[in-house]
Amino acid sequence: MTEHRETRIRRLRMRSMRRGIKEMDLILSAYAESSLAQMNTEQLDLYDALLEENDQDLYQWVTGQAATPPAFADLVGEIAQTFQN
Protein backbone atom coordinates (compact mmCIF):
# COMPACT_ATOMS: atom_id res chain seq x y z
CA MET A 1 0.00 0.00 0.00
CA THR A 2 1.29 3.43 -0.94
CA GLU A 3 1.66 6.03 1.79
CA HIS A 4 -0.41 9.17 1.17
CA ARG A 5 1.59 12.36 0.76
CA GLU A 6 0.09 14.01 3.86
CA THR A 7 0.79 10.93 5.97
CA ARG A 8 4.35 10.79 4.71
CA ILE A 9 4.95 14.45 5.52
CA ARG A 10 3.58 13.96 9.05
CA ARG A 11 5.83 10.91 9.50
CA LEU A 12 8.89 12.80 8.27
CA ARG A 13 8.10 15.74 10.58
CA MET A 14 7.85 13.38 13.53
CA ARG A 15 11.13 11.67 12.62
CA SER A 16 12.72 15.11 12.29
CA MET A 17 11.67 16.00 15.84
CA ARG A 18 12.59 12.71 17.50
CA ARG A 19 16.29 12.37 16.78
CA GLY A 20 19.10 11.01 18.93
CA ILE A 21 20.52 14.38 19.91
CA LYS A 22 18.68 17.59 20.80
CA GLU A 23 20.65 19.73 18.34
CA MET A 24 19.40 17.62 15.44
CA ASP A 25 15.85 17.74 16.82
CA LEU A 26 15.99 21.52 16.61
CA ILE A 27 17.73 21.73 13.24
CA LEU A 28 15.66 19.12 11.42
CA SER A 29 12.30 20.06 12.92
CA ALA A 30 12.81 23.68 11.81
CA TYR A 31 13.72 22.53 8.32
CA ALA A 32 10.82 20.08 8.15
CA GLU A 33 8.30 22.73 9.13
CA SER A 34 9.53 25.19 6.54
CA SER A 35 10.22 22.83 3.64
CA LEU A 36 8.49 19.45 3.53
CA ALA A 37 5.14 20.66 2.21
CA GLN A 38 6.83 22.17 -0.87
CA MET A 39 8.94 19.11 -1.71
CA ASN A 40 8.20 16.81 -4.62
CA THR A 41 8.33 13.02 -4.31
CA GLU A 42 12.01 12.75 -5.22
CA GLN A 43 12.96 15.40 -2.68
CA LEU A 44 10.92 13.65 0.00
CA ASP A 45 12.68 10.37 -0.89
CA LEU A 46 16.06 12.03 -0.42
CA TYR A 47 15.05 13.61 2.89
CA ASP A 48 13.69 10.25 4.06
CA ALA A 49 17.05 8.65 3.20
CA LEU A 50 18.90 11.43 5.02
CA LEU A 51 16.92 10.71 8.17
CA GLU A 52 18.37 7.19 8.15
CA GLU A 53 21.86 8.62 8.71
CA ASN A 54 23.53 8.83 12.10
CA ASP A 55 22.84 12.04 14.04
CA GLN A 56 26.49 12.60 14.84
CA ASP A 57 27.31 12.52 11.12
CA LEU A 58 24.34 14.73 10.24
CA TYR A 59 25.37 17.30 12.83
CA GLN A 60 28.91 17.45 11.49
CA TRP A 61 27.64 17.80 7.91
CA VAL A 62 25.17 20.57 8.77
CA THR A 63 27.70 22.51 10.81
CA GLY A 64 30.46 22.08 8.22
CA GLN A 65 32.71 20.08 10.52
CA ALA A 66 32.85 17.18 8.04
CA ALA A 67 32.34 16.77 4.31
CA THR A 68 28.83 15.81 3.28
CA PRO A 69 28.42 12.81 0.97
CA PRO A 70 27.68 14.07 -2.56
CA ALA A 71 24.20 12.52 -2.63
CA PHE A 72 23.14 14.71 0.30
CA ALA A 73 25.26 17.82 -0.32
CA ASP A 74 22.54 20.10 -1.73
CA LEU A 75 19.96 19.01 0.83
CA VAL A 76 22.34 19.44 3.77
CA GLY A 77 23.25 22.89 2.42
CA GLU A 78 19.57 23.85 2.42
CA ILE A 79 19.13 22.53 5.95
CA ALA A 80 22.16 24.46 7.17
CA GLN A 81 20.93 27.64 5.52
CA THR A 82 17.44 27.27 7.00
CA PHE A 83 18.84 26.78 10.47
CA GLN A 84 21.18 29.77 10.22
CA ASN A 85 18.41 32.17 9.12
PDB file of N, CA and C in Angstrom:
ATOM      1  N   MET A   1       0.838  -1.180   0.000  1.00  0.00           N
ATOM      2  CA  MET A   1       0.000   0.000   0.000  1.00  0.00           C
ATOM      3  C   MET A   1       0.887   1.247   0.000  1.00  0.00           C
ATOM      4  N   THR A   2       0.526   2.203  -0.819  1.00  0.00           N
ATOM      5  CA  THR A   2       1.291   3.432  -0.940  1.00  0.00           C
ATOM      6  C   THR A   2       0.893   4.424   0.156  1.00  0.00           C
ATOM      7  N   GLU A   3       1.888   5.038   0.732  1.00  0.00           N
ATOM      8  CA  GLU A   3       1.662   6.031   1.785  1.00  0.00           C
ATOM      9  C   GLU A   3       1.171   7.333   1.155  1.00  0.00           C
ATOM     10  N   HIS A   4       0.090   7.886   1.678  1.00  0.00           N
ATOM     11  CA  HIS A   4      -0.413   9.169   1.174  1.00  0.00           C
ATOM     12  C   HIS A   4       0.586  10.274   1.483  1.00  0.00           C
ATOM     13  N   ARG A   5       0.635  11.257   0.619  1.00  0.00           N
ATOM     14  CA  ARG A   5       1.591  12.364   0.762  1.00  0.00           C
ATOM     15  C   ARG A   5       1.484  13.021   2.138  1.00  0.00           C
ATOM     16  N   GLU A   6       0.272  13.331   2.576  1.00  0.00           N
ATOM     17  CA  GLU A   6       0.086  14.013   3.865  1.00  0.00           C
ATOM     18  C   GLU A   6       0.586  13.151   5.024  1.00  0.00           C
ATOM     19  N   THR A   7       0.326  11.854   4.933  1.00  0.00           N
ATOM     20  CA  THR A   7       0.789  10.929   5.969  1.00  0.00           C
ATOM     21  C   THR A   7       2.310  10.874   5.979  1.00  0.00           C
ATOM     22  N   ARG A   8       2.884  10.836   4.810  1.00  0.00           N
ATOM     23  CA  ARG A   8       4.349  10.789   4.708  1.00  0.00           C
ATOM     24  C   ARG A   8       4.975  12.044   5.301  1.00  0.00           C
ATOM     25  N   ILE A   9       4.418  13.191   4.990  1.00  0.00           N
ATOM     26  CA  ILE A   9       4.954  14.446   5.519  1.00  0.00           C
ATOM     27  C   ILE A   9       4.843  14.469   7.039  1.00  0.00           C
ATOM     28  N   ARG A  10       3.719  14.017   7.582  1.00  0.00           N
ATOM     29  CA  ARG A  10       3.577  13.956   9.050  1.00  0.00           C
ATOM     30  C   ARG A  10       4.616  13.016   9.658  1.00  0.00           C
ATOM     31  N   ARG A  11       4.834  11.866   9.011  1.00  0.00           N
ATOM     32  CA  ARG A  11       5.827  10.905   9.501  1.00  0.00           C
ATOM     33  C   ARG A  11       7.229  11.511   9.473  1.00  0.00           C
ATOM     34  N   LEU A  12       7.568  12.185   8.379  1.00  0.00           N
ATOM     35  CA  LEU A  12       8.890  12.801   8.273  1.00  0.00           C
ATOM     36  C   LEU A  12       9.061  13.929   9.284  1.00  0.00           C
ATOM     37  N   ARG A  13       8.016  14.696   9.534  1.00  0.00           N
ATOM     38  CA  ARG A  13       8.100  15.741  10.577  1.00  0.00           C
ATOM     39  C   ARG A  13       8.370  15.126  11.941  1.00  0.00           C
ATOM     40  N   MET A  14       7.652  14.041  12.237  1.00  0.00           N
ATOM     41  CA  MET A  14       7.848  13.383  13.533  1.00  0.00           C
ATOM     42  C   MET A  14       9.266  12.830  13.645  1.00  0.00           C
ATOM     43  N   ARG A  15       9.762  12.197  12.601  1.00  0.00           N
ATOM     44  CA  ARG A  15      11.132  11.669  12.618  1.00  0.00           C
ATOM     45  C   ARG A  15      12.154  12.789  12.725  1.00  0.00           C
ATOM     46  N   SER A  16      11.819  13.953  12.206  1.00  0.00           N
ATOM     47  CA  SER A  16      12.719  15.107  12.294  1.00  0.00           C
ATOM     48  C   SER A  16      12.808  15.625  13.727  1.00  0.00           C
ATOM     49  N   MET A  17      11.719  15.491  14.476  1.00  0.00           N
ATOM     50  CA  MET A  17      11.669  16.003  15.844  1.00  0.00           C
ATOM     51  C   MET A  17      12.198  15.016  16.875  1.00  0.00           C
ATOM     52  N   ARG A  18      12.221  13.753  16.545  1.00  0.00           N
ATOM     53  CA  ARG A  18      12.593  12.713  17.499  1.00  0.00           C
ATOM     54  C   ARG A  18      13.915  12.064  17.086  1.00  0.00           C
ATOM     55  N   ARG A  19      14.969  12.834  17.185  1.00  0.00           N
ATOM     56  CA  ARG A  19      16.294  12.374  16.784  1.00  0.00           C
ATOM     57  C   ARG A  19      17.049  11.864  18.005  1.00  0.00           C
ATOM     58  N   GLY A  20      18.291  11.503  17.821  1.00  0.00           N
ATOM     59  CA  GLY A  20      19.098  11.005  18.927  1.00  0.00           C
ATOM     60  C   GLY A  20      19.710  12.109  19.771  1.00  0.00           C
ATOM     61  N   ILE A  21      19.947  13.269  19.156  1.00  0.00           N
ATOM     62  CA  ILE A  21      20.524  14.383  19.908  1.00  0.00           C
ATOM     63  C   ILE A  21      19.657  15.629  19.730  1.00  0.00           C
ATOM     64  N   LYS A  22      19.578  16.425  20.775  1.00  0.00           N
ATOM     65  CA  LYS A  22      18.683  17.589  20.798  1.00  0.00           C
ATOM     66  C   LYS A  22      18.999  18.590  19.689  1.00  0.00           C
ATOM     67  N   GLU A  23      20.278  18.775  19.397  1.00  0.00           N
ATOM     68  CA  GLU A  23      20.648  19.726  18.342  1.00  0.00           C
ATOM     69  C   GLU A  23      20.007  19.345  17.007  1.00  0.00           C
ATOM     70  N   MET A  24      20.003  18.054  16.699  1.00  0.00           N
ATOM     71  CA  MET A  24      19.403  17.620  15.438  1.00  0.00           C
ATOM     72  C   MET A  24      17.886  17.707  15.494  1.00  0.00           C
ATOM     73  N   ASP A  25      17.289  17.519  16.672  1.00  0.00           N
ATOM     74  CA  ASP A  25      15.851  17.739  16.817  1.00  0.00           C
ATOM     75  C   ASP A  25      15.509  19.164  16.382  1.00  0.00           C
ATOM     76  N   LEU A  26      16.254  20.115  16.894  1.00  0.00           N
ATOM     77  CA  LEU A  26      15.989  21.523  16.606  1.00  0.00           C
ATOM     78  C   LEU A  26      16.238  21.871  15.138  1.00  0.00           C
ATOM     79  N   ILE A  27      17.352  21.412  14.627  1.00  0.00           N
ATOM     80  CA  ILE A  27      17.726  21.734  13.245  1.00  0.00           C
ATOM     81  C   ILE A  27      16.744  21.111  12.258  1.00  0.00           C
ATOM     82  N   LEU A  28      16.508  19.813  12.401  1.00  0.00           N
ATOM     83  CA  LEU A  28      15.664  19.124  11.423  1.00  0.00           C
ATOM     84  C   LEU A  28      14.192  19.461  11.570  1.00  0.00           C
ATOM     85  N   SER A  29      13.712  19.698  12.778  1.00  0.00           N
ATOM     86  CA  SER A  29      12.300  20.064  12.916  1.00  0.00           C
ATOM     87  C   SER A  29      12.039  21.435  12.307  1.00  0.00           C
ATOM     88  N   ALA A  30      12.973  22.362  12.442  1.00  0.00           N
ATOM     89  CA  ALA A  30      12.808  23.683  11.810  1.00  0.00           C
ATOM     90  C   ALA A  30      12.796  23.547  10.292  1.00  0.00           C
ATOM     91  N   TYR A  31      13.686  22.745   9.767  1.00  0.00           N
ATOM     92  CA  TYR A  31      13.725  22.528   8.315  1.00  0.00           C
ATOM     93  C   TYR A  31      12.455  21.836   7.837  1.00  0.00           C
ATOM     94  N   ALA A  32      12.027  20.816   8.541  1.00  0.00           N
ATOM     95  CA  ALA A  32      10.823  20.075   8.145  1.00  0.00           C
ATOM     96  C   ALA A  32       9.608  20.992   8.103  1.00  0.00           C
ATOM     97  N   GLU A  33       9.448  21.819   9.096  1.00  0.00           N
ATOM     98  CA  GLU A  33       8.295  22.730   9.134  1.00  0.00           C
ATOM     99  C   GLU A  33       8.302  23.705   7.973  1.00  0.00           C
ATOM    100  N   SER A  34       9.464  24.168   7.588  1.00  0.00           N
ATOM    101  CA  SER A  34       9.532  25.186   6.539  1.00  0.00           C
ATOM    102  C   SER A  34       9.581  24.611   5.127  1.00  0.00           C
ATOM    103  N   SER A  35       9.910  23.328   4.977  1.00  0.00           N
ATOM    104  CA  SER A  35      10.222  22.827   3.637  1.00  0.00           C
ATOM    105  C   SER A  35       9.447  21.616   3.135  1.00  0.00           C
ATOM    106  N   LEU A  36       9.054  20.715   3.999  1.00  0.00           N
ATOM    107  CA  LEU A  36       8.494  19.447   3.531  1.00  0.00           C
ATOM    108  C   LEU A  36       7.262  19.605   2.644  1.00  0.00           C
ATOM    109  N   ALA A  37       6.380  20.503   2.977  1.00  0.00           N
ATOM    110  CA  ALA A  37       5.135  20.659   2.205  1.00  0.00           C
ATOM    111  C   ALA A  37       5.392  21.061   0.760  1.00  0.00           C
ATOM    112  N   GLN A  38       6.513  21.720   0.485  1.00  0.00           N
ATOM    113  CA  GLN A  38       6.827  22.171  -0.866  1.00  0.00           C
ATOM    114  C   GLN A  38       7.641  21.156  -1.668  1.00  0.00           C
ATOM    115  N   MET A  39       8.070  20.082  -1.034  1.00  0.00           N
ATOM    116  CA  MET A  39       8.936  19.115  -1.708  1.00  0.00           C
ATOM    117  C   MET A  39       8.143  18.201  -2.635  1.00  0.00           C
ATOM    118  N   ASN A  40       8.795  17.810  -3.743  1.00  0.00           N
ATOM    119  CA  ASN A  40       8.199  16.811  -4.624  1.00  0.00           C
ATOM    120  C   ASN A  40       8.582  15.417  -4.099  1.00  0.00           C
ATOM    121  N   THR A  41       8.102  14.390  -4.765  1.00  0.00           N
ATOM    122  CA  THR A  41       8.329  13.017  -4.313  1.00  0.00           C
ATOM    123  C   THR A  41       9.807  12.670  -4.232  1.00  0.00           C
ATOM    124  N   GLU A  42      10.587  13.063  -5.221  1.00  0.00           N
ATOM    125  CA  GLU A  42      12.013  12.751  -5.215  1.00  0.00           C
ATOM    126  C   GLU A  42      12.728  13.448  -4.062  1.00  0.00           C
ATOM    127  N   GLN A  43      12.350  14.675  -3.790  1.00  0.00           N
ATOM    128  CA  GLN A  43      12.960  15.403  -2.684  1.00  0.00           C
ATOM    129  C   GLN A  43      12.590  14.762  -1.343  1.00  0.00           C
ATOM    130  N   LEU A  44      11.338  14.333  -1.221  1.00  0.00           N
ATOM    131  CA  LEU A  44      10.924  13.645   0.005  1.00  0.00           C
ATOM    132  C   LEU A  44      11.675  12.328   0.172  1.00  0.00           C
ATOM    133  N   ASP A  45      11.904  11.613  -0.937  1.00  0.00           N
ATOM    134  CA  ASP A  45      12.680  10.372  -0.890  1.00  0.00           C
ATOM    135  C   ASP A  45      14.085  10.636  -0.358  1.00  0.00           C
ATOM    136  N   LEU A  46      14.705  11.688  -0.850  1.00  0.00           N
ATOM    137  CA  LEU A  46      16.060  12.026  -0.418  1.00  0.00           C
ATOM    138  C   LEU A  46      16.086  12.418   1.060  1.00  0.00           C
ATOM    139  N   TYR A  47      15.119  13.212   1.487  1.00  0.00           N
ATOM    140  CA  TYR A  47      15.048  13.608   2.892  1.00  0.00           C
ATOM    141  C   TYR A  47      14.820  12.382   3.781  1.00  0.00           C
ATOM    142  N   ASP A  48      13.954  11.490   3.330  1.00  0.00           N
ATOM    143  CA  ASP A  48      13.692  10.253   4.061  1.00  0.00           C
ATOM    144  C   ASP A  48      14.991   9.448   4.212  1.00  0.00           C
ATOM    145  N   ALA A  49      15.765   9.357   3.150  1.00  0.00           N
ATOM    146  CA  ALA A  49      17.054   8.650   3.198  1.00  0.00           C
ATOM    147  C   ALA A  49      18.026   9.358   4.147  1.00  0.00           C
ATOM    148  N   LEU A  50      18.029  10.671   4.132  1.00  0.00           N
ATOM    149  CA  LEU A  50      18.902  11.432   5.023  1.00  0.00           C
ATOM    150  C   LEU A  50      18.591  11.134   6.483  1.00  0.00           C
ATOM    151  N   LEU A  51      17.316  10.981   6.795  1.00  0.00           N
ATOM    152  CA  LEU A  51      16.922  10.707   8.174  1.00  0.00           C
ATOM    153  C   LEU A  51      17.398   9.344   8.670  1.00  0.00           C
ATOM    154  N   GLU A  52      17.818   8.484   7.762  1.00  0.00           N
ATOM    155  CA  GLU A  52      18.374   7.186   8.147  1.00  0.00           C
ATOM    156  C   GLU A  52      19.826   7.303   8.611  1.00  0.00           C
ATOM    157  N   GLU A  53      20.452   8.426   8.341  1.00  0.00           N
ATOM    158  CA  GLU A  53      21.859   8.621   8.706  1.00  0.00           C
ATOM    159  C   GLU A  53      22.008   8.878  10.200  1.00  0.00           C
ATOM    160  N   ASN A  54      23.187   8.635  10.701  1.00  0.00           N
ATOM    161  CA  ASN A  54      23.533   8.828  12.101  1.00  0.00           C
ATOM    162  C   ASN A  54      23.501  10.314  12.466  1.00  0.00           C
ATOM    163  N   ASP A  55      22.931  10.638  13.611  1.00  0.00           N
ATOM    164  CA  ASP A  55      22.836  12.036  14.042  1.00  0.00           C
ATOM    165  C   ASP A  55      24.190  12.713  14.192  1.00  0.00           C
ATOM    166  N   GLN A  56      25.171  11.989  14.680  1.00  0.00           N
ATOM    167  CA  GLN A  56      26.494  12.597  14.836  1.00  0.00           C
ATOM    168  C   GLN A  56      27.054  13.020  13.480  1.00  0.00           C
ATOM    169  N   ASP A  57      26.875  12.171  12.475  1.00  0.00           N
ATOM    170  CA  ASP A  57      27.315  12.515  11.120  1.00  0.00           C
ATOM    171  C   ASP A  57      26.522  13.695  10.577  1.00  0.00           C
ATOM    172  N   LEU A  58      25.200  13.633  10.732  1.00  0.00           N
ATOM    173  CA  LEU A  58      24.345  14.730  10.244  1.00  0.00           C
ATOM    174  C   LEU A  58      24.756  16.064  10.857  1.00  0.00           C
ATOM    175  N   TYR A  59      24.988  16.068  12.152  1.00  0.00           N
ATOM    176  CA  TYR A  59      25.370  17.304  12.827  1.00  0.00           C
ATOM    177  C   TYR A  59      26.676  17.850  12.260  1.00  0.00           C
ATOM    178  N   GLN A  60      27.641  16.984  12.044  1.00  0.00           N
ATOM    179  CA  GLN A  60      28.913  17.445  11.488  1.00  0.00           C
ATOM    180  C   GLN A  60      28.738  17.957  10.066  1.00  0.00           C
ATOM    181  N   TRP A  61      27.882  17.331   9.282  1.00  0.00           N
ATOM    182  CA  TRP A  61      27.643  17.803   7.911  1.00  0.00           C
ATOM    183  C   TRP A  61      26.968  19.166   7.921  1.00  0.00           C
ATOM    184  N   VAL A  62      25.926  19.312   8.730  1.00  0.00           N
ATOM    185  CA  VAL A  62      25.166  20.566   8.768  1.00  0.00           C
ATOM    186  C   VAL A  62      26.012  21.720   9.282  1.00  0.00           C
ATOM    187  N   THR A  63      26.875  21.445  10.233  1.00  0.00           N
ATOM    188  CA  THR A  63      27.701  22.506  10.812  1.00  0.00           C
ATOM    189  C   THR A  63      29.008  22.716  10.058  1.00  0.00           C
ATOM    190  N   GLY A  64      29.255  21.922   9.019  1.00  0.00           N
ATOM    191  CA  GLY A  64      30.463  22.082   8.221  1.00  0.00           C
ATOM    192  C   GLY A  64      31.715  21.496   8.842  1.00  0.00           C
ATOM    193  N   GLN A  65      31.562  20.692   9.869  1.00  0.00           N
ATOM    194  CA  GLN A  65      32.712  20.077  10.524  1.00  0.00           C
ATOM    195  C   GLN A  65      33.254  18.879   9.754  1.00  0.00           C
ATOM    196  N   ALA A  66      32.436  18.325   8.851  1.00  0.00           N
ATOM    197  CA  ALA A  66      32.851  17.179   8.036  1.00  0.00           C
ATOM    198  C   ALA A  66      32.224  17.321   6.657  1.00  0.00           C
ATOM    199  N   ALA A  67      32.850  16.720   5.679  1.00  0.00           N
ATOM    200  CA  ALA A  67      32.340  16.766   4.310  1.00  0.00           C
ATOM    201  C   ALA A  67      31.067  15.933   4.200  1.00  0.00           C
ATOM    202  N   THR A  68      30.098  16.493   3.509  1.00  0.00           N
ATOM    203  CA  THR A  68      28.828  15.810   3.283  1.00  0.00           C
ATOM    204  C   THR A  68      28.951  14.884   2.074  1.00  0.00           C
ATOM    205  N   PRO A  69      28.424  13.676   2.149  1.00  0.00           N
ATOM    206  CA  PRO A  69      28.420  12.812   0.972  1.00  0.00           C
ATOM    207  C   PRO A  69      27.725  13.515  -0.196  1.00  0.00           C
ATOM    208  N   PRO A  70      28.238  13.359  -1.397  1.00  0.00           N
ATOM    209  CA  PRO A  70      27.679  14.067  -2.560  1.00  0.00           C
ATOM    210  C   PRO A  70      26.175  13.906  -2.742  1.00  0.00           C
ATOM    211  N   ALA A  71      25.641  12.743  -2.447  1.00  0.00           N
ATOM    212  CA  ALA A  71      24.196  12.518  -2.629  1.00  0.00           C
ATOM    213  C   ALA A  71      23.352  13.448  -1.764  1.00  0.00           C
ATOM    214  N   PHE A  72      23.887  13.868  -0.629  1.00  0.00           N
ATOM    215  CA  PHE A  72      23.142  14.713   0.303  1.00  0.00           C
ATOM    216  C   PHE A  72      23.620  16.164   0.336  1.00  0.00           C
ATOM    217  N   ALA A  73      24.615  16.508  -0.439  1.00  0.00           N
ATOM    218  CA  ALA A  73      25.260  17.822  -0.320  1.00  0.00           C
ATOM    219  C   ALA A  73      24.290  18.986  -0.477  1.00  0.00           C
ATOM    220  N   ASP A  74      23.469  18.985  -1.515  1.00  0.00           N
ATOM    221  CA  ASP A  74      22.540  20.102  -1.727  1.00  0.00           C
ATOM    222  C   ASP A  74      21.504  20.181  -0.609  1.00  0.00           C
ATOM    223  N   LEU A  75      20.968  19.038  -0.224  1.00  0.00           N
ATOM    224  CA  LEU A  75      19.964  19.006   0.834  1.00  0.00           C
ATOM    225  C   LEU A  75      20.539  19.487   2.158  1.00  0.00           C
ATOM    226  N   VAL A  76      21.710  19.021   2.508  1.00  0.00           N
ATOM    227  CA  VAL A  76      22.343  19.445   3.766  1.00  0.00           C
ATOM    228  C   VAL A  76      22.645  20.945   3.723  1.00  0.00           C
ATOM    229  N   GLY A  77      23.034  21.447   2.563  1.00  0.00           N
ATOM    230  CA  GLY A  77      23.249  22.885   2.416  1.00  0.00           C
ATOM    231  C   GLY A  77      21.977  23.677   2.671  1.00  0.00           C
ATOM    232  N   GLU A  78      20.860  23.188   2.168  1.00  0.00           N
ATOM    233  CA  GLU A  78      19.572  23.847   2.423  1.00  0.00           C
ATOM    234  C   GLU A  78      19.216  23.804   3.903  1.00  0.00           C
ATOM    235  N   ILE A  79      19.433  22.663   4.520  1.00  0.00           N
ATOM    236  CA  ILE A  79      19.134  22.526   5.948  1.00  0.00           C
ATOM    237  C   ILE A  79      19.995  23.490   6.761  1.00  0.00           C
ATOM    238  N   ALA A  80      21.264  23.549   6.446  1.00  0.00           N
ATOM    239  CA  ALA A  80      22.164  24.458   7.169  1.00  0.00           C
ATOM    240  C   ALA A  80      21.737  25.903   6.999  1.00  0.00           C
ATOM    241  N   GLN A  81      21.352  26.269   5.792  1.00  0.00           N
ATOM    242  CA  GLN A  81      20.926  27.635   5.524  1.00  0.00           C
ATOM    243  C   GLN A  81      19.631  27.968   6.265  1.00  0.00           C
ATOM    244  N   THR A  82      18.690  27.052   6.301  1.00  0.00           N
ATOM    245  CA  THR A  82      17.438  27.267   7.003  1.00  0.00           C
ATOM    246  C   THR A  82      17.685  27.486   8.493  1.00  0.00           C
ATOM    247  N   PHE A  83      18.565  26.688   9.050  1.00  0.00           N
ATOM    248  CA  PHE A  83      18.844  26.780  10.470  1.00  0.00           C
ATOM    249  C   PHE A  83      19.568  28.076  10.822  1.00  0.00           C
ATOM    250  N   GLN A  84      20.416  28.557   9.944  1.00  0.00           N
ATOM    251  CA  GLN A  84      21.179  29.772  10.219  1.00  0.00           C
ATOM    252  C   GLN A  84      20.357  31.047  10.048  1.00  0.00           C
ATOM    253  N   ASN A  85      19.248  30.963   9.347  1.00  0.00           N
ATOM    254  CA  ASN A  85      18.410  32.171   9.123  1.00  0.00           C
ATOM    255  C   ASN A  85      17.549  32.478  10.322  1.00  0.00           C
TER     256      ASN A  85
END
